[in-house]
């Protein structure tokens, strides 16, 4: 069904949020970090019971589901089919990730599910997984026309800026920021100092308690009443500043997501008990030992603990509580 509410036009411009549901440590600690470094708005949701609430909030997002743990393959299949059948989620683009799914079960998923983001096997080096997922995201226009994530700054007290021009100091009311520039308001009386192509040699940006002095070029300006709205481009900023801005942006995005999840109600559907035939499946999903998720080996546990200790990526993590542990083995 074609959407007529203008949402698709918005997606083409702004792109899509990317949610990794139940990701492996390899995905969580490496791939998501690299996607964020490359300006993809990627998040991690460990507890699948939050997924539908999030997807209903962001109905044109990408949802990549790791199916090797947490639930059986059959139960993950039912979960995915329930998303497909929900009219509210028709704009969600689903993909499946697996490291060890048997070929017969992979074929079953491909035959019976609609996967715009494909089926990605992750039994390969990190860089190859990243390239594969990046290709899938680009095909589905996850970035849209924008190339950089832009954070709205409504009365944000963690960041402030001012510019020194010809001995005068101008306070900048920051409207939004990306890793390459920001939009600001200044007094209309200062419009001449913020004319397009004007080089600003001393712009101070304070993130938390750390201040950076950088150069900016004015890309555009528009006077409206008593305010001059200007877009400033960072000119050859130091790498530490760019990384600090990216870190700040994702910290704020994660904080925003946590607020949304604070209002979430857990999905209490017992997907394991749903009738497989009710989804109109073709072929059979055998309920043999391959269909029961194996316990993580001691070696894998140690690897995950080490990777988690090294990782400090700032992505949103939605933990399962003890009572929410999978009951299906």
Protein backbone atom coordinates (compact mmCIF):
# COMPACT_ATOMS: atom_id res chain seq x y z
CA UNK A 1 0.00 0.00 0.00
CA UNK A 2 1.48 3.36 -1.03
CA UNK A 3 1.64 5.98 1.67
CA UNK A 4 0.14 9.37 0.88
CA UNK A 5 0.85 11.29 4.10
CA UNK A 6 4.12 12.82 2.92
CA UNK A 7 6.14 10.50 5.16
CA UNK A 8 8.07 8.98 2.27
CA UNK A 9 9.21 12.42 1.13
CA UNK A 10 10.42 13.11 4.66
CA UNK A 11 12.28 9.79 4.76
CA UNK A 12 14.00 10.55 1.44
CA UNK A 13 15.33 13.76 2.96
CA UNK A 14 16.03 12.84 6.59
CA UNK A 15 16.64 9.11 6.30
CA UNK A 16 15.66 6.38 8.76
CA UNK A 17 16.55 5.41 12.29
CA UNK A 18 18.24 2.00 12.50
CA UNK A 19 17.39 -0.37 15.34
CA UNK A 20 19.40 -3.52 16.05
CA UNK A 21 17.20 -5.88 18.06
CA UNK A 22 18.91 -8.50 20.26
CA UNK A 23 22.35 -7.86 18.69
CA UNK A 24 25.36 -10.09 19.27
CA UNK A 25 28.37 -8.59 21.03
CA UNK A 26 30.11 -8.44 17.65
CA UNK A 27 27.35 -6.23 16.28
CA UNK A 28 26.87 -4.20 19.42
CA UNK A 29 30.52 -3.41 20.15
CA UNK A 30 31.85 -2.96 16.63
CA UNK A 31 29.30 -2.58 13.85
CA UNK A 32 26.99 -0.10 15.59
CA UNK A 33 29.99 1.99 16.64
CA UNK A 34 31.31 2.11 13.08
CA UNK A 35 27.88 2.96 11.68
CA UNK A 36 27.62 5.89 14.07
CA UNK A 37 31.08 7.07 13.12
CA UNK A 38 29.84 7.06 9.51
CA UNK A 39 26.76 9.19 10.35
CA UNK A 40 24.12 6.44 10.51
CA UNK A 41 21.58 6.92 13.30
CA UNK A 42 21.92 3.45 14.80
CA UNK A 43 20.57 2.21 18.13
CA UNK A 44 20.74 -1.05 20.08
CA UNK A 45 17.67 -2.68 21.68
CA UNK A 46 18.66 -5.75 23.65
CA UNK A 47 15.21 -6.65 24.92
CA UNK A 48 12.97 -7.50 21.95
CA UNK A 49 9.90 -6.73 24.07
CA UNK A 50 10.59 -3.01 23.60
CA UNK A 51 10.92 -3.34 19.82
CA UNK A 52 7.30 -2.92 18.76
CA UNK A 53 6.82 0.14 20.96
CA UNK A 54 9.89 1.76 19.44
CA UNK A 55 8.92 0.78 15.89
CA UNK A 56 5.42 2.15 16.41
CA UNK A 57 7.00 5.44 17.51
CA UNK A 58 9.36 5.48 14.51
CA UNK A 59 7.28 3.81 11.82
CA UNK A 60 9.69 4.30 8.94
CA UNK A 61 12.78 2.88 10.60
CA UNK A 62 15.07 -0.01 9.74
CA UNK A 63 14.86 -3.01 12.09
CA UNK A 64 17.68 -5.57 11.98
CA UNK A 65 17.00 -8.60 14.17
CA UNK A 66 19.67 -11.01 15.39
CA UNK A 67 18.02 -14.42 15.67
CA UNK A 68 20.72 -16.71 17.07
CA UNK A 69 19.90 -16.08 20.73
CA UNK A 70 17.09 -15.15 23.07
CA UNK A 71 14.31 -17.05 21.28
CA UNK A 72 14.15 -20.11 19.07
CA UNK A 73 14.32 -19.57 15.32
CA UNK A 74 10.65 -20.50 15.06
CA UNK A 75 9.68 -17.95 17.70
CA UNK A 76 11.74 -15.22 16.03
CA UNK A 77 9.96 -16.09 12.81
CA UNK A 78 6.57 -15.60 14.47
CA UNK A 79 7.74 -12.30 15.96
CA UNK A 80 8.83 -11.05 12.53
CA UNK A 81 5.57 -12.16 10.93
CA UNK A 82 3.62 -10.31 13.61
CA UNK A 83 5.45 -7.10 12.64
CA UNK A 84 4.67 -7.73 8.98
CA UNK A 85 0.97 -8.17 9.70
CA UNK A 86 0.66 -4.98 11.79
CA UNK A 87 -0.74 -2.20 9.60
CA UNK A 88 0.84 0.44 11.85
CA UNK A 89 4.29 -0.97 11.05
CA UNK A 90 3.98 -1.30 7.28
CA UNK A 91 6.71 1.31 6.83
CA UNK A 92 9.29 -0.61 8.89
CA UNK A 93 12.06 -2.26 6.84
CA UNK A 94 13.06 -5.58 8.40
CA UNK A 95 16.30 -7.50 8.04
CA UNK A 96 17.60 -10.66 9.71
CA UNK A 97 21.10 -11.24 11.09
CA UNK A 98 22.51 -14.66 11.94
CA UNK A 99 25.90 -16.21 12.46
CA UNK A 100 25.00 -19.89 12.43
CA UNK A 101 21.48 -20.49 11.15
CA UNK A 102 21.28 -23.76 9.15
CA UNK A 103 20.68 -23.27 5.44
CA UNK A 104 17.30 -25.03 5.55
CA UNK A 105 16.00 -22.57 8.13
CA UNK A 106 17.48 -19.62 6.27
CA UNK A 107 15.63 -20.78 3.16
CA UNK A 108 12.43 -21.01 5.21
CA UNK A 109 12.84 -17.40 6.42
CA UNK A 110 13.57 -16.13 2.91
CA UNK A 111 10.56 -17.96 1.48
CA UNK A 112 8.07 -16.87 4.13
CA UNK A 113 9.09 -13.37 5.22
CA UNK A 114 9.34 -10.01 3.51
CA UNK A 115 12.85 -8.78 4.21
CA UNK A 116 13.61 -5.44 2.48
CA UNK A 117 16.91 -5.37 4.39
CA UNK A 118 17.75 -8.94 3.49
CA UNK A 119 19.29 -11.80 5.41
CA UNK A 120 22.88 -11.17 6.48
CA UNK A 121 25.15 -13.92 7.75
CA UNK A 122 27.57 -12.44 10.28
CA UNK A 123 30.16 -15.25 10.38
CA UNK A 124 32.80 -12.99 8.85
CA UNK A 125 35.29 -10.32 10.00
CA UNK A 126 33.91 -7.09 11.51
CA UNK A 127 34.87 -4.95 8.53
CA UNK A 128 33.05 -7.27 6.13
CA UNK A 129 29.91 -7.31 8.29
CA UNK A 130 30.01 -3.52 8.39
CA UNK A 131 30.38 -3.24 4.61
CA UNK A 132 27.53 -5.67 4.04
CA UNK A 133 25.17 -3.88 6.44
CA UNK A 134 26.23 -0.47 5.12
CA UNK A 135 25.37 -1.60 1.59
CA UNK A 136 21.92 -2.77 2.75
CA UNK A 137 21.29 0.53 4.54
CA UNK A 138 22.35 2.59 1.53
CA UNK A 139 20.09 0.59 -0.79
CA UNK A 140 17.21 1.42 1.56
CA UNK A 141 18.23 5.10 1.77
CA UNK A 142 18.84 5.01 5.51
CA UNK A 143 20.70 8.33 5.33
CA UNK A 144 18.26 10.01 2.99
CA UNK A 145 19.61 13.05 1.21
CA UNK A 146 21.31 14.34 4.33
CA UNK A 147 24.83 13.06 4.87
CA UNK A 148 25.23 14.09 8.50
CA UNK A 149 23.07 13.56 11.56
CA UNK A 150 21.63 16.84 12.82
CA UNK A 151 20.66 17.28 16.46
CA UNK A 152 18.04 19.86 17.42
CA UNK A 153 19.22 22.04 20.30
CA UNK A 154 16.18 23.38 22.12
CA UNK A 155 17.47 25.16 25.24
CA UNK A 156 20.27 22.61 25.61
CA UNK A 157 22.49 23.67 28.50
CA UNK A 158 25.32 21.25 27.71
CA UNK A 159 26.55 23.31 24.77
CA UNK A 160 27.04 27.00 24.05
CA UNK A 161 28.99 29.14 21.59
CA UNK A 162 30.06 32.68 20.81
CA UNK A 163 31.99 34.36 18.01
CA UNK A 164 34.59 37.11 18.22
CA UNK A 165 34.51 39.38 15.15
CA UNK A 166 36.57 42.57 14.83
CA UNK A 167 36.88 42.90 18.57
CA UNK A 168 33.18 42.34 19.22
CA UNK A 169 31.78 39.24 20.91
CA UNK A 170 28.50 37.80 19.65
CA UNK A 171 26.54 35.22 21.62
CA UNK A 172 25.22 32.45 19.36
CA UNK A 173 21.82 30.93 20.07
CA UNK A 174 22.37 27.41 18.78
CA UNK A 175 19.46 25.82 16.92
CA UNK A 176 20.99 22.56 15.72
CA UNK A 177 24.37 20.94 15.22
CA UNK A 178 26.01 18.24 13.12
CA UNK A 179 29.62 17.11 12.87
CA UNK A 180 30.20 19.62 10.04
CA UNK A 181 28.37 22.73 11.19
CA UNK A 182 25.50 24.32 13.06
CA UNK A 183 22.59 26.73 12.68
CA UNK A 184 22.44 29.74 14.99
CA UNK A 185 20.44 32.87 15.71
CA UNK A 186 22.05 36.23 16.32
CA UNK A 187 20.62 39.70 16.63
CA UNK A 188 19.47 41.20 13.32
CA UNK A 189 21.75 44.15 14.09
CA UNK A 190 24.72 41.77 13.64
CA UNK A 191 23.59 40.53 10.23
CA UNK A 192 26.45 42.24 8.38
CA UNK A 193 29.01 40.32 10.47
CA UNK A 194 27.31 37.03 9.50
CA UNK A 195 26.94 37.66 5.78
CA UNK A 196 27.26 34.62 3.48
CA UNK A 197 30.87 33.56 2.74
CA UNK A 198 32.09 35.54 5.74
CA UNK A 199 35.05 33.86 7.46
CA UNK A 200 34.73 33.74 11.24
CA UNK A 201 38.24 33.18 12.57
CA UNK A 202 37.40 32.75 16.27
CA UNK A 203 34.31 30.78 17.23
CA UNK A 204 34.33 29.23 20.70
CA UNK A 205 32.21 26.13 21.25
CA UNK A 206 31.88 24.71 24.75
CA UNK A 207 30.76 21.09 25.12
CA UNK A 208 30.16 20.30 28.78
CA UNK A 209 33.26 21.86 30.36
CA UNK A 210 35.62 21.64 27.38
CA UNK A 211 36.00 24.61 25.04
CA UNK A 212 37.22 24.46 21.44
CA UNK A 213 38.17 27.49 19.35
CA UNK A 214 37.55 26.88 15.66
CA UNK A 215 37.05 28.72 12.38
CA UNK A 216 33.74 28.80 10.54
CA UNK A 217 32.41 29.97 7.19
CA UNK A 218 28.91 31.43 6.94
CA UNK A 219 27.02 29.39 4.35
CA UNK A 220 23.77 31.35 4.45
CA UNK A 221 21.96 33.99 6.48
CA UNK A 222 18.40 35.29 6.60
CA UNK A 223 17.03 38.16 8.63
CA UNK A 224 13.55 37.70 10.06
CA UNK A 225 12.33 40.51 12.28
CA UNK A 226 14.84 41.04 15.09
CA UNK A 227 16.72 37.81 14.41
CA UNK A 228 19.33 36.76 11.86
CA UNK A 229 19.39 33.01 11.23
CA UNK A 230 22.77 31.78 10.00
CA UNK A 231 24.21 28.43 9.00
CA UNK A 232 27.90 28.05 9.87
CA UNK A 233 30.26 25.44 8.42
CA UNK A 234 33.22 24.24 10.50
CA UNK A 235 36.43 25.02 8.59
CA UNK A 236 39.10 22.33 9.00
CA UNK A 237 38.19 21.55 12.63
CA UNK A 238 40.59 19.39 14.69
CA UNK A 239 39.71 15.71 14.85
CA UNK A 240 39.19 15.92 18.63
CA UNK A 241 36.49 18.54 18.12
CA UNK A 242 34.68 16.51 15.44
CA UNK A 243 34.73 13.42 17.65
CA UNK A 244 33.54 15.43 20.65
CA UNK A 245 30.60 16.73 18.60
CA UNK A 246 29.68 13.23 17.40
CA UNK A 247 29.86 11.90 20.95
CA UNK A 248 27.69 14.76 22.19
CA UNK A 249 25.11 14.20 19.44
CA UNK A 250 24.70 10.49 20.19
CA UNK A 251 24.63 11.05 23.94
CA UNK A 252 21.72 13.43 23.43
CA UNK A 253 19.98 11.09 20.98
CA UNK A 254 20.37 8.23 23.44
CA UNK A 255 18.97 10.39 26.23
CA UNK A 256 15.98 11.21 24.04
CA UNK A 257 15.46 7.51 23.32
CA UNK A 258 15.65 6.65 27.02
CA UNK A 259 12.88 9.15 27.69
CA UNK A 260 10.73 7.46 25.08
CA UNK A 261 11.44 4.02 26.52
CA UNK A 262 10.61 5.28 29.98
CA UNK A 263 7.02 5.52 28.78
CA UNK A 264 7.08 2.16 26.99
CA UNK A 265 4.92 -0.82 27.82
CA UNK A 266 6.56 -4.20 27.33
CA UNK A 267 5.29 -6.53 24.63
CA UNK A 268 3.83 -9.43 26.63
CA UNK A 269 2.82 -11.58 23.67
CA UNK A 270 3.83 -15.24 24.02
CA UNK A 271 5.07 -15.68 20.48
CA UNK A 272 6.18 -19.26 21.10
CA UNK A 273 2.57 -20.29 21.65
CA UNK A 274 1.25 -18.73 18.43
CA UNK A 275 0.12 -21.17 15.75
CA UNK A 276 2.73 -21.34 13.00
CA UNK A 277 0.11 -22.20 10.37
CA UNK A 278 -1.82 -19.01 11.13
CA UNK A 279 0.89 -17.07 9.32
CA UNK A 280 0.26 -18.86 6.02
CA UNK A 281 3.72 -20.38 5.81
CA UNK A 282 5.19 -22.44 2.99
CA UNK A 283 7.34 -25.43 3.84
CA UNK A 284 8.13 -26.54 7.36
CA UNK A 285 10.21 -25.16 10.22
CA UNK A 286 11.33 -28.33 11.96
CA UNK A 287 11.27 -28.33 15.75
CA UNK A 288 14.48 -30.32 16.07
CA UNK A 289 17.57 -29.66 18.10
CA UNK A 290 18.84 -27.16 15.53
CA UNK A 291 15.84 -24.98 16.30
CA UNK A 292 16.71 -24.59 19.96
CA UNK A 293 19.22 -21.84 20.64
CA UNK A 294 22.44 -23.25 22.03
CA UNK A 295 23.87 -21.91 25.25
CA UNK A 296 26.81 -19.60 24.77
CA UNK A 297 30.06 -21.44 25.28
CA UNK A 298 32.48 -20.41 27.99
CA UNK A 299 34.90 -19.09 25.38
CA UNK A 300 32.22 -16.93 23.79
CA UNK A 301 31.19 -15.64 27.22
CA UNK A 302 34.76 -14.56 27.97
CA UNK A 303 35.02 -12.86 24.56
CA UNK A 304 31.77 -10.97 25.11
CA UNK A 305 32.85 -9.80 28.57
CA UNK A 306 36.19 -8.57 27.21
CA UNK A 307 34.54 -6.77 24.30
CA UNK A 308 31.94 -5.18 26.57
CA UNK A 309 34.70 -3.93 28.89
CA UNK A 310 36.52 -2.34 25.95
CA UNK A 311 33.42 -0.83 24.39
CA UNK A 312 32.36 2.65 25.39
CA UNK A 313 30.22 3.62 22.43
CA UNK A 314 27.33 5.42 24.10
CA UNK A 315 24.58 3.61 22.17
CA UNK A 316 21.20 3.14 23.75
CA UNK A 317 21.04 -0.23 25.49
CA UNK A 318 17.71 -1.68 26.50
CA UNK A 319 18.31 -4.46 29.00
CA UNK A 320 16.02 -7.38 29.73
CA UNK A 321 15.16 -7.73 33.40
CA UNK A 322 15.58 -11.06 35.12
CA UNK A 323 11.90 -11.86 34.95
CA UNK A 324 11.99 -11.22 31.20
CA UNK A 325 14.50 -13.95 30.42
CA UNK A 326 13.45 -16.16 27.52
CA UNK A 327 11.23 -18.98 28.63
CA UNK A 328 11.73 -20.97 25.45
CA UNK A 329 15.29 -22.01 26.04
